[in-house]
């Protein structure tokens, strides 16, 4: 075999390896993009990494923090939203102060009708319901800064905008969070935490939580998401509608292969945005 032949064979083998690796990367990214919080319903039951959560705070300091999710009152730096769906109405408040980017993104999309007629394309009973994807697959959706009149590459260079983690906000039942394909890849997809069972046993170090939040987890939530994903809102009425949607009969999603797509489409008809501090 000539030296030239050896070189050509070597190059060919390298191209095969590169192509194989590239294909694996694509498959992994597609799987990640379909997940609300890199979690399936089974992963949602894992223990919280509370040993590193709020590590710079003492329990006493945590207990002095404002915990707006525990109040149904809409504060001066919060915005009321009414999410009208084909299964009923959900009323929530958005936390402009503690998650300003996620709040602005959601509220702007809502005002501009971006979410109108989109499906809750992913529902996992005892975990969450997810929407905000124009493709209704889990692979689509962009932030307001990705393109158009609001385009801002400093906030979203094309892969999404950054996570906003606050010691004031947690994934208790009714929390509204940003769904993404990994850290700092937030676009338009969001989910509502639906779990209604006591999950305090999933918290390995309750001193990492404000006492009232630890108590709130007795009513449900997913503490394993805390510190890893952005909470930007809280349902204040209509959790019965969230529960109804989460209980829908599902089929396998042809794109993600997860059995979480409602057999009968459940849609957001529109989202009405109120004023800050409006009840």
Protein backbone atom coordinates (compact mmCIF):
# COMPACT_ATOMS: atom_id res chain seq x y z
CA UNK A 1 0.00 0.00 0.00
CA UNK A 2 1.41 3.39 -0.99
CA UNK A 3 1.89 6.25 1.42
CA UNK A 4 -0.75 8.22 -0.51
CA UNK A 5 -3.31 5.43 -0.09
CA UNK A 6 -2.59 5.23 3.62
CA UNK A 7 -3.17 8.96 3.95
CA UNK A 8 -6.48 8.80 2.04
CA UNK A 9 -7.70 5.88 4.14
CA UNK A 10 -6.70 7.74 7.30
CA UNK A 11 -8.60 10.85 6.22
CA UNK A 12 -11.64 8.76 5.32
CA UNK A 13 -11.65 7.09 8.73
CA UNK A 14 -11.36 10.46 10.44
CA UNK A 15 -14.33 11.82 8.48
CA UNK A 16 -16.42 8.81 9.51
CA UNK A 17 -15.56 9.39 13.17
CA UNK A 18 -16.31 13.12 12.92
CA UNK A 19 -19.65 12.45 11.22
CA UNK A 20 -20.57 9.88 13.87
CA UNK A 21 -19.75 12.27 16.71
CA UNK A 22 -21.69 15.07 14.97
CA UNK A 23 -24.73 12.82 14.67
CA UNK A 24 -24.56 11.98 18.39
CA UNK A 25 -24.38 15.69 19.29
CA UNK A 26 -27.48 16.41 17.19
CA UNK A 27 -29.40 13.55 18.83
CA UNK A 28 -28.43 14.72 22.32
CA UNK A 29 -29.45 18.33 21.57
CA UNK A 30 -32.82 17.20 20.21
CA UNK A 31 -33.46 15.18 23.36
CA UNK A 32 -32.45 18.06 25.59
CA UNK A 33 -34.60 20.60 23.78
CA UNK A 34 -37.76 18.64 24.50
CA UNK A 35 -37.31 18.72 28.25
CA UNK A 36 -38.76 21.26 30.63
CA UNK A 37 -35.93 21.15 33.05
CA UNK A 38 -33.69 18.37 31.75
CA UNK A 39 -36.11 16.20 33.69
CA UNK A 40 -38.56 13.47 32.91
CA UNK A 41 -41.24 12.59 35.46
CA UNK A 42 -38.84 10.06 36.97
CA UNK A 43 -35.98 12.54 37.25
CA UNK A 44 -38.31 15.03 38.94
CA UNK A 45 -38.50 12.72 41.95
CA UNK A 46 -34.75 12.79 42.64
CA UNK A 47 -33.31 14.54 45.67
CA UNK A 48 -32.60 18.24 45.62
CA UNK A 49 -28.95 19.34 45.49
CA UNK A 50 -29.73 21.53 48.49
CA UNK A 51 -26.20 21.23 49.88
CA UNK A 52 -25.09 23.91 47.40
CA UNK A 53 -28.36 25.84 47.15
CA UNK A 54 -28.26 29.18 48.97
CA UNK A 55 -24.87 28.23 50.43
CA UNK A 56 -23.98 31.85 51.16
CA UNK A 57 -27.06 32.37 53.34
CA UNK A 58 -27.76 31.26 56.88
CA UNK A 59 -31.20 29.88 57.69
CA UNK A 60 -31.88 33.02 59.69
CA UNK A 61 -31.04 35.19 56.68
CA UNK A 62 -33.19 33.07 54.37
CA UNK A 63 -36.14 33.41 56.73
CA UNK A 64 -35.96 37.20 56.45
CA UNK A 65 -36.30 37.18 52.65
CA UNK A 66 -39.39 38.28 50.78
CA UNK A 67 -41.19 35.16 49.54
CA UNK A 68 -43.77 36.50 47.07
CA UNK A 69 -44.98 33.08 45.93
CA UNK A 70 -46.65 32.51 49.29
CA UNK A 71 -49.02 35.46 48.85
CA UNK A 72 -51.91 35.79 46.41
CA UNK A 73 -51.66 39.58 46.60
CA UNK A 74 -50.11 41.18 43.53
CA UNK A 75 -47.32 43.49 44.67
CA UNK A 76 -46.24 46.80 43.18
CA UNK A 77 -43.41 45.09 41.25
CA UNK A 78 -45.50 42.16 40.05
CA UNK A 79 -47.81 41.82 37.05
CA UNK A 80 -51.09 39.92 36.89
CA UNK A 81 -51.67 37.64 33.92
CA UNK A 82 -54.79 35.69 32.98
CA UNK A 83 -54.05 32.59 30.93
CA UNK A 84 -57.17 31.51 29.12
CA UNK A 85 -57.11 27.90 27.91
CA UNK A 86 -59.54 25.50 26.28
CA UNK A 87 -59.76 23.75 29.67
CA UNK A 88 -60.35 26.85 31.80
CA UNK A 89 -58.69 29.98 33.19
CA UNK A 90 -55.42 30.23 35.13
CA UNK A 91 -54.52 33.46 36.92
CA UNK A 92 -50.91 34.11 37.88
CA UNK A 93 -48.53 36.86 38.92
CA UNK A 94 -45.18 37.53 37.29
CA UNK A 95 -42.13 38.52 39.32
CA UNK A 96 -40.63 41.50 37.48
CA UNK A 97 -38.20 42.26 40.31
CA UNK A 98 -36.66 38.84 40.89
CA UNK A 99 -36.62 37.53 37.30
CA UNK A 100 -36.61 40.68 35.13
CA UNK A 101 -35.49 39.08 31.86
CA UNK A 102 -37.85 36.11 32.03
CA UNK A 103 -40.69 38.41 33.11
CA UNK A 104 -40.13 40.89 30.28
CA UNK A 105 -39.79 38.08 27.76
CA UNK A 106 -43.02 36.36 28.85
CA UNK A 107 -45.06 39.54 29.19
CA UNK A 108 -43.93 40.92 25.82
CA UNK A 109 -44.67 37.65 24.06
CA UNK A 110 -48.08 37.57 25.77
CA UNK A 111 -48.95 41.15 24.79
CA UNK A 112 -47.95 40.51 21.19
CA UNK A 113 -50.08 37.36 20.96
CA UNK A 114 -47.13 35.00 20.56
CA UNK A 115 -48.71 32.40 22.84
CA UNK A 116 -52.19 32.56 21.32
CA UNK A 117 -53.46 29.16 20.13
CA UNK A 118 -50.33 27.30 21.24
CA UNK A 119 -50.73 23.82 22.70
CA UNK A 120 -49.78 22.47 26.07
CA UNK A 121 -47.72 20.01 24.04
CA UNK A 122 -46.15 18.29 27.06
CA UNK A 123 -48.05 17.26 30.18
CA UNK A 124 -46.62 14.98 32.85
CA UNK A 125 -49.01 14.19 35.69
CA UNK A 126 -47.53 14.85 39.14
CA UNK A 127 -44.81 17.00 37.55
CA UNK A 128 -45.76 19.85 35.19
CA UNK A 129 -47.53 21.15 32.08
CA UNK A 130 -45.53 22.84 29.33
CA UNK A 131 -46.30 25.29 26.51
CA UNK A 132 -44.80 28.25 24.66
CA UNK A 133 -43.51 26.47 21.55
CA UNK A 134 -44.96 27.66 18.20
CA UNK A 135 -43.95 24.28 16.72
CA UNK A 136 -45.75 22.39 19.52
CA UNK A 137 -42.92 19.87 19.58
CA UNK A 138 -40.57 21.03 22.30
CA UNK A 139 -37.90 22.01 19.77
CA UNK A 140 -39.09 25.50 18.84
CA UNK A 141 -39.59 28.98 20.21
CA UNK A 142 -37.36 32.03 20.64
CA UNK A 143 -36.98 34.86 23.10
CA UNK A 144 -38.10 38.37 22.22
CA UNK A 145 -34.41 39.34 21.83
CA UNK A 146 -33.53 36.67 19.27
CA UNK A 147 -34.98 38.54 16.30
CA UNK A 148 -37.43 41.23 15.21
CA UNK A 149 -38.00 44.65 16.74
CA UNK A 150 -36.68 43.63 20.18
CA UNK A 151 -33.51 41.98 18.87
CA UNK A 152 -30.61 42.34 21.29
CA UNK A 153 -27.55 40.13 20.87
CA UNK A 154 -26.19 41.20 24.25
CA UNK A 155 -29.12 39.47 25.92
CA UNK A 156 -29.67 36.64 23.44
CA UNK A 157 -26.93 35.96 20.91
CA UNK A 158 -29.01 33.22 19.31
CA UNK A 159 -28.87 30.40 21.84
CA UNK A 160 -31.25 31.93 24.41
CA UNK A 161 -30.95 34.23 27.41
CA UNK A 162 -29.40 33.57 30.80
CA UNK A 163 -30.92 31.84 33.82
CA UNK A 164 -32.05 34.02 36.72
CA UNK A 165 -31.72 32.27 40.05
CA UNK A 166 -33.15 34.01 43.10
CA UNK A 167 -33.19 32.92 46.76
CA UNK A 168 -36.68 34.44 46.86
CA UNK A 169 -38.23 32.01 44.34
CA UNK A 170 -38.65 28.20 44.29
CA UNK A 171 -40.30 25.39 42.32
CA UNK A 172 -43.18 24.86 44.73
CA UNK A 173 -46.59 23.79 43.43
CA UNK A 174 -47.92 26.41 41.01
CA UNK A 175 -44.52 27.91 40.18
CA UNK A 176 -44.06 29.05 36.58
CA UNK A 177 -40.59 28.39 35.21
CA UNK A 178 -38.58 28.73 32.03
CA UNK A 179 -38.11 25.52 30.05
CA UNK A 180 -34.83 25.23 28.19
CA UNK A 181 -32.28 22.92 26.58
CA UNK A 182 -29.61 23.61 29.17
CA UNK A 183 -28.24 26.41 31.30
CA UNK A 184 -28.69 29.89 29.81
CA UNK A 185 -30.70 28.76 26.77
CA UNK A 186 -34.06 30.26 27.68
CA UNK A 187 -36.38 31.08 24.79
CA UNK A 188 -40.19 31.17 24.85
CA UNK A 189 -41.16 27.83 26.41
CA UNK A 190 -42.44 27.74 29.98
CA UNK A 191 -43.99 25.24 32.36
CA UNK A 192 -46.24 25.25 35.40
CA UNK A 193 -45.31 23.05 38.35
CA UNK A 194 -48.22 20.70 39.10
CA UNK A 195 -47.04 18.08 41.63
CA UNK A 196 -49.38 17.97 44.64
CA UNK A 197 -47.68 15.39 46.86
CA UNK A 198 -45.42 16.00 49.84
CA UNK A 199 -41.86 16.23 48.47
CA UNK A 200 -40.03 17.35 51.60
CA UNK A 201 -38.16 14.04 51.64
CA UNK A 202 -36.43 15.10 48.41
CA UNK A 203 -34.71 17.97 50.23
CA UNK A 204 -31.44 16.71 51.68
CA UNK A 205 -30.69 19.85 53.69
CA UNK A 206 -33.71 21.83 54.78
CA UNK A 207 -31.46 24.53 56.30
CA UNK A 208 -30.77 25.57 52.67
CA UNK A 209 -34.38 26.71 52.36
CA UNK A 210 -36.47 29.38 54.03
CA UNK A 211 -38.62 27.55 56.58
CA UNK A 212 -41.86 28.67 54.91
CA UNK A 213 -40.69 27.33 51.53
CA UNK A 214 -39.73 24.00 53.09
CA UNK A 215 -43.23 23.90 54.59
CA UNK A 216 -44.75 24.78 51.19
CA UNK A 217 -43.10 21.72 49.63
CA UNK A 218 -45.41 19.63 51.77
CA UNK A 219 -48.12 20.59 49.23
CA UNK A 220 -46.01 19.63 46.20
CA UNK A 221 -43.35 20.88 43.83
CA UNK A 222 -39.99 19.79 42.42
CA UNK A 223 -37.11 20.96 44.63
CA UNK A 224 -34.53 19.29 42.36
CA UNK A 225 -35.08 22.17 39.91
CA UNK A 226 -34.20 24.85 42.47
CA UNK A 227 -31.01 26.70 41.62
CA UNK A 228 -30.91 25.28 38.12
CA UNK A 229 -33.89 26.87 36.34
CA UNK A 230 -35.62 30.23 36.40
CA UNK A 231 -38.84 30.74 38.36
CA UNK A 232 -40.60 33.86 37.10
CA UNK A 233 -44.24 33.49 38.16
CA UNK A 234 -46.76 31.81 40.43
CA UNK A 235 -50.33 30.65 39.86
CA UNK A 236 -52.66 32.39 42.32
CA UNK A 237 -55.92 30.82 41.14
CA UNK A 238 -56.86 28.08 38.72
CA UNK A 239 -54.67 25.24 39.95
CA UNK A 240 -57.70 22.99 39.41
CA UNK A 241 -57.32 23.81 35.70
CA UNK A 242 -53.60 22.98 35.85
CA UNK A 243 -54.45 19.66 37.50
CA UNK A 244 -57.06 18.94 34.84
CA UNK A 245 -54.60 19.60 32.03
CA UNK A 246 -51.94 17.47 33.72
CA UNK A 247 -54.42 14.58 33.95
CA UNK A 248 -55.16 14.55 30.22
CA UNK A 249 -54.81 11.28 28.33
CA UNK A 250 -51.49 11.29 26.50
CA UNK A 251 -49.76 9.64 23.57
CA UNK A 252 -46.14 9.34 22.48
CA UNK A 253 -44.66 12.52 21.05
CA UNK A 254 -43.38 11.63 17.56
CA UNK A 255 -40.45 14.03 17.91
CA UNK A 256 -39.23 13.35 21.45
CA UNK A 257 -40.56 9.77 21.89
CA UNK A 258 -41.83 10.76 25.34
CA UNK A 259 -45.38 9.75 26.24
CA UNK A 260 -46.53 13.22 27.22
CA UNK A 261 -48.46 14.72 24.29
CA UNK A 262 -52.19 15.15 24.98
CA UNK A 263 -54.33 12.98 22.72
CA UNK A 264 -56.77 15.87 22.44
CA UNK A 265 -55.15 19.27 21.91
CA UNK A 266 -55.29 21.63 24.90
CA UNK A 267 -54.58 25.21 23.88
CA UNK A 268 -53.82 28.63 25.28
CA UNK A 269 -56.45 30.80 23.60
CA UNK A 270 -54.89 34.05 24.86
CA UNK A 271 -53.00 35.63 27.75
CA UNK A 272 -54.31 38.90 29.17
CA UNK A 273 -51.65 41.09 30.79
CA UNK A 274 -52.68 43.43 33.59
CA UNK A 275 -50.83 46.37 35.13
CA UNK A 276 -48.19 46.10 37.81
CA UNK A 277 -49.82 45.85 41.20
CA UNK A 278 -53.26 45.25 39.65
CA UNK A 279 -55.43 42.72 41.45
